[in-house]
Each structure stands twice: as structure tokens, then as C-alpha cells.
Amino acid sequence: MAQFIVRNVGATVKARLQRRARRNGRSMEEEIRSILRDAVNQDDAPAGGLGTGIAALFARRGIDFDIPQLEGQEIDPPSFRQ
């Protein structure tokens, strides 16, 4: 079984890991193993692109009317003069 040594972990990170381990009823070492397992398993899931993520956010929303085409229509730019 592989072993890792992680140096220069800040006191705040260590304290948060200890609290998380205590909350989950595990030793700090087992909590870190669990975090590493979860992180590696998440990487196996296929990642979608930006468009896929945006489409997922709006998948259950939509419009119930037609959007008119603007092709061939004259554009009236705004005036910023006072």
C-alpha cells in the first residue's frame, strides 16, 4: 500500500480536517483517504464543456412564444447624446 507525506499543511487546514473527521466518526487519516478516493472517482466522470454546463442549468426552463427573426430589419442604434 502506498504512503504519502504531505508537508506544509497550514494549522487551519489541519484543524478543519480534524473537525471533519470527528463529524464523520473517522480518524483524520481515514478522512484524508476518503477525500482522496472521492476526488479520484470524480475525475473518472466525463466532464462536459462550458456549453453543456450552461445547457444543464437551463434545461428545465424555456419560453412558450416564438422569437421573431431580425434578419433584414433595420437597426436603430441608441443615441448617447444629451
N, C-alpha and C. Protein backbone atom coordinates (compact mmCIF):
# COMPACT_ATOMS: atom_id res chain seq x y z
N MET A 1 0.84 -1.16 0.00
CA MET A 1 0.00 0.00 0.00
C MET A 1 0.90 1.24 0.00
N ALA A 2 0.52 2.23 -0.79
CA ALA A 2 1.32 3.45 -0.91
C ALA A 2 1.14 4.36 0.31
N GLN A 3 2.17 5.13 0.57
CA GLN A 3 2.13 6.11 1.64
C GLN A 3 2.50 7.46 1.08
N PHE A 4 1.90 8.49 1.63
CA PHE A 4 2.18 9.86 1.23
C PHE A 4 2.54 10.67 2.46
N ILE A 5 3.45 11.59 2.28
CA ILE A 5 3.76 12.56 3.32
C ILE A 5 3.43 13.92 2.73
N VAL A 6 2.58 14.66 3.43
CA VAL A 6 2.19 15.98 2.97
C VAL A 6 2.76 16.99 3.95
N ARG A 7 3.63 17.84 3.44
CA ARG A 7 4.28 18.84 4.29
C ARG A 7 3.62 20.20 4.10
N ASN A 8 3.87 21.06 5.04
CA ASN A 8 3.45 22.47 4.99
C ASN A 8 1.93 22.62 4.89
N VAL A 9 1.21 21.80 5.62
CA VAL A 9 -0.24 21.95 5.72
C VAL A 9 -0.48 22.96 6.84
N GLY A 10 -1.21 24.00 6.51
CA GLY A 10 -1.47 25.05 7.50
C GLY A 10 -2.29 24.56 8.68
N ALA A 11 -2.15 25.27 9.78
CA ALA A 11 -2.87 24.89 11.01
C ALA A 11 -4.38 24.94 10.80
N THR A 12 -4.85 25.88 10.03
CA THR A 12 -6.29 25.99 9.78
C THR A 12 -6.80 24.78 9.01
N VAL A 13 -6.06 24.36 8.00
CA VAL A 13 -6.46 23.19 7.21
C VAL A 13 -6.46 21.95 8.10
N LYS A 14 -5.45 21.80 8.92
CA LYS A 14 -5.37 20.64 9.82
C LYS A 14 -6.55 20.64 10.78
N ALA A 15 -6.88 21.78 11.33
CA ALA A 15 -7.99 21.86 12.29
C ALA A 15 -9.32 21.53 11.60
N ARG A 16 -9.49 22.01 10.38
CA ARG A 16 -10.72 21.72 9.65
C ARG A 16 -10.82 20.23 9.30
N LEU A 17 -9.68 19.63 8.94
CA LEU A 17 -9.67 18.19 8.67
C LEU A 17 -10.03 17.40 9.93
N GLN A 18 -9.50 17.82 11.07
CA GLN A 18 -9.81 17.14 12.33
C GLN A 18 -11.30 17.25 12.65
N ARG A 19 -11.87 18.45 12.47
CA ARG A 19 -13.30 18.63 12.74
C ARG A 19 -14.15 17.78 11.79
N ARG A 20 -13.74 17.76 10.52
CA ARG A 20 -14.48 16.97 9.53
C ARG A 20 -14.42 15.48 9.87
N ALA A 21 -13.25 15.00 10.25
CA ALA A 21 -13.09 13.60 10.63
C ALA A 21 -13.94 13.27 11.85
N ARG A 22 -13.91 14.14 12.83
CA ARG A 22 -14.70 13.92 14.05
C ARG A 22 -16.20 13.88 13.71
N ARG A 23 -16.64 14.80 12.84
CA ARG A 23 -18.04 14.87 12.43
C ARG A 23 -18.47 13.58 11.71
N ASN A 24 -17.54 12.98 10.94
CA ASN A 24 -17.85 11.76 10.19
C ASN A 24 -17.50 10.49 10.96
N GLY A 25 -17.04 10.62 12.19
CA GLY A 25 -16.74 9.46 13.03
C GLY A 25 -15.54 8.66 12.54
N ARG A 26 -14.54 9.35 11.99
CA ARG A 26 -13.35 8.68 11.46
C ARG A 26 -12.10 9.33 12.04
N SER A 27 -11.00 8.61 11.89
CA SER A 27 -9.71 9.21 12.23
C SER A 27 -9.37 10.22 11.14
N MET A 28 -8.46 11.11 11.44
CA MET A 28 -8.05 12.09 10.44
C MET A 28 -7.43 11.39 9.23
N GLU A 29 -6.66 10.34 9.48
CA GLU A 29 -6.03 9.60 8.39
C GLU A 29 -7.08 8.97 7.47
N GLU A 30 -8.11 8.37 8.06
CA GLU A 30 -9.18 7.76 7.25
C GLU A 30 -9.97 8.83 6.52
N GLU A 31 -10.16 9.98 7.14
CA GLU A 31 -10.87 11.08 6.48
C GLU A 31 -10.11 11.54 5.24
N ILE A 32 -8.81 11.66 5.35
CA ILE A 32 -7.98 12.08 4.21
C ILE A 32 -8.04 11.02 3.11
N ARG A 33 -8.02 9.73 3.48
CA ARG A 33 -8.15 8.67 2.48
C ARG A 33 -9.49 8.78 1.76
N SER A 34 -10.54 9.06 2.50
CA SER A 34 -11.87 9.20 1.92
C SER A 34 -11.92 10.38 0.95
N ILE A 35 -11.33 11.50 1.33
CA ILE A 35 -11.29 12.68 0.47
C ILE A 35 -10.54 12.36 -0.82
N LEU A 36 -9.41 11.67 -0.70
CA LEU A 36 -8.63 11.32 -1.90
C LEU A 36 -9.40 10.36 -2.80
N ARG A 37 -10.06 9.35 -2.21
CA ARG A 37 -10.86 8.42 -3.01
C ARG A 37 -11.96 9.15 -3.77
N ASP A 38 -12.68 10.04 -3.06
CA ASP A 38 -13.76 10.78 -3.70
C ASP A 38 -13.24 11.67 -4.83
N ALA A 39 -12.11 12.31 -4.62
CA ALA A 39 -11.54 13.19 -5.64
C ALA A 39 -11.15 12.41 -6.88
N VAL A 40 -10.56 11.25 -6.70
CA VAL A 40 -10.15 10.45 -7.85
C VAL A 40 -11.37 9.90 -8.59
N ASN A 41 -12.39 9.49 -7.87
CA ASN A 41 -13.60 8.95 -8.50
C ASN A 41 -14.34 10.02 -9.29
N GLN A 42 -14.30 11.26 -8.83
CA GLN A 42 -14.96 12.35 -9.55
C GLN A 42 -14.26 12.60 -10.88
N ASP A 43 -12.95 12.42 -10.94
CA ASP A 43 -12.22 12.64 -12.18
C ASP A 43 -12.61 11.63 -13.25
N ASP A 44 -13.11 10.47 -12.86
CA ASP A 44 -13.50 9.45 -13.83
C ASP A 44 -14.78 9.81 -14.56
N ALA A 45 -15.58 10.69 -13.98
CA ALA A 45 -16.82 11.09 -14.62
C ALA A 45 -16.50 11.97 -15.82
N PRO A 46 -17.18 11.73 -16.94
CA PRO A 46 -16.90 12.55 -18.12
C PRO A 46 -17.27 14.00 -17.87
N ALA A 47 -16.37 14.87 -18.19
CA ALA A 47 -16.60 16.30 -17.99
C ALA A 47 -17.18 16.90 -19.25
N GLY A 48 -18.23 17.65 -19.09
CA GLY A 48 -18.82 18.33 -20.23
C GLY A 48 -18.14 19.68 -20.41
N GLY A 49 -18.34 20.25 -21.53
CA GLY A 49 -17.78 21.56 -21.80
C GLY A 49 -18.63 22.67 -21.20
N LEU A 50 -18.24 23.88 -21.45
CA LEU A 50 -18.96 25.03 -20.93
C LEU A 50 -20.39 25.05 -21.44
N GLY A 51 -20.56 24.78 -22.72
CA GLY A 51 -21.90 24.78 -23.30
C GLY A 51 -22.80 23.74 -22.68
N THR A 52 -22.24 22.57 -22.38
CA THR A 52 -23.01 21.51 -21.74
C THR A 52 -23.46 21.93 -20.35
N GLY A 53 -22.57 22.59 -19.62
CA GLY A 53 -22.92 23.08 -18.29
C GLY A 53 -24.00 24.14 -18.32
N ILE A 54 -23.90 25.05 -19.27
CA ILE A 54 -24.91 26.11 -19.39
C ILE A 54 -26.25 25.49 -19.80
N ALA A 55 -26.22 24.56 -20.74
CA ALA A 55 -27.46 23.90 -21.17
C ALA A 55 -28.12 23.17 -20.00
N ALA A 56 -27.32 22.55 -19.15
CA ALA A 56 -27.87 21.84 -17.99
C ALA A 56 -28.53 22.80 -17.02
N LEU A 57 -27.96 23.99 -16.86
CA LEU A 57 -28.55 24.98 -15.95
C LEU A 57 -29.94 25.41 -16.40
N PHE A 58 -30.14 25.48 -17.71
CA PHE A 58 -31.39 26.00 -18.24
C PHE A 58 -32.26 24.92 -18.87
N ALA A 59 -31.99 23.66 -18.58
CA ALA A 59 -32.71 22.55 -19.21
C ALA A 59 -34.20 22.56 -18.90
N ARG A 60 -34.58 22.96 -17.73
CA ARG A 60 -35.99 22.91 -17.33
C ARG A 60 -36.70 24.25 -17.52
N ARG A 61 -36.03 25.17 -18.15
CA ARG A 61 -36.63 26.47 -18.38
C ARG A 61 -36.82 26.66 -19.87
N GLY A 62 -37.59 27.58 -20.22
CA GLY A 62 -37.80 27.81 -21.64
C GLY A 62 -38.79 28.93 -21.87
N ILE A 63 -39.10 29.13 -23.12
CA ILE A 63 -40.07 30.15 -23.47
C ILE A 63 -41.22 29.47 -24.19
N ASP A 64 -42.37 30.09 -24.15
CA ASP A 64 -43.53 29.50 -24.80
C ASP A 64 -44.08 30.41 -25.90
N PHE A 65 -43.18 31.15 -26.53
CA PHE A 65 -43.59 32.00 -27.64
C PHE A 65 -42.49 32.01 -28.69
N ASP A 66 -42.85 32.39 -29.89
CA ASP A 66 -41.88 32.44 -30.99
C ASP A 66 -41.04 33.70 -30.88
N ILE A 67 -39.80 33.56 -31.24
CA ILE A 67 -38.90 34.71 -31.29
C ILE A 67 -38.77 35.13 -32.75
N PRO A 68 -39.16 36.37 -33.07
CA PRO A 68 -39.09 36.79 -34.47
C PRO A 68 -37.65 36.94 -34.93
N GLN A 69 -37.43 36.61 -36.20
CA GLN A 69 -36.10 36.79 -36.77
C GLN A 69 -35.85 38.26 -37.01
N LEU A 70 -34.61 38.68 -36.83
CA LEU A 70 -34.23 40.07 -37.04
C LEU A 70 -33.60 40.27 -38.41
N GLU A 71 -33.48 39.21 -39.17
CA GLU A 71 -32.83 39.30 -40.48
C GLU A 71 -33.60 40.25 -41.39
N GLY A 72 -32.88 41.18 -42.00
CA GLY A 72 -33.48 42.12 -42.95
C GLY A 72 -34.15 43.31 -42.31
N GLN A 73 -34.16 43.40 -40.99
CA GLN A 73 -34.78 44.54 -40.33
C GLN A 73 -33.74 45.62 -40.09
N GLU A 74 -34.20 46.87 -40.13
CA GLU A 74 -33.29 47.99 -39.92
C GLU A 74 -32.97 48.13 -38.43
N ILE A 75 -31.72 48.38 -38.15
CA ILE A 75 -31.27 48.52 -36.77
C ILE A 75 -31.25 50.00 -36.42
N ASP A 76 -31.89 50.37 -35.32
CA ASP A 76 -31.93 51.75 -34.86
C ASP A 76 -31.02 51.86 -33.63
N PRO A 77 -29.76 52.28 -33.83
CA PRO A 77 -28.83 52.32 -32.69
C PRO A 77 -29.23 53.42 -31.70
N PRO A 78 -28.92 53.21 -30.43
CA PRO A 78 -29.27 54.22 -29.42
C PRO A 78 -28.37 55.45 -29.57
N SER A 79 -28.92 56.56 -29.10
CA SER A 79 -28.16 57.81 -29.12
C SER A 79 -27.74 58.12 -27.69
N PHE A 80 -26.47 58.44 -27.51
CA PHE A 80 -25.94 58.72 -26.18
C PHE A 80 -25.72 60.21 -25.96
N ARG A 81 -26.22 61.02 -26.85
CA ARG A 81 -26.07 62.48 -26.71
C ARG A 81 -27.08 62.99 -25.70
N GLN A 82 -26.71 64.08 -25.04
CA GLN A 82 -27.61 64.65 -24.04
C GLN A 82 -28.37 65.82 -24.57
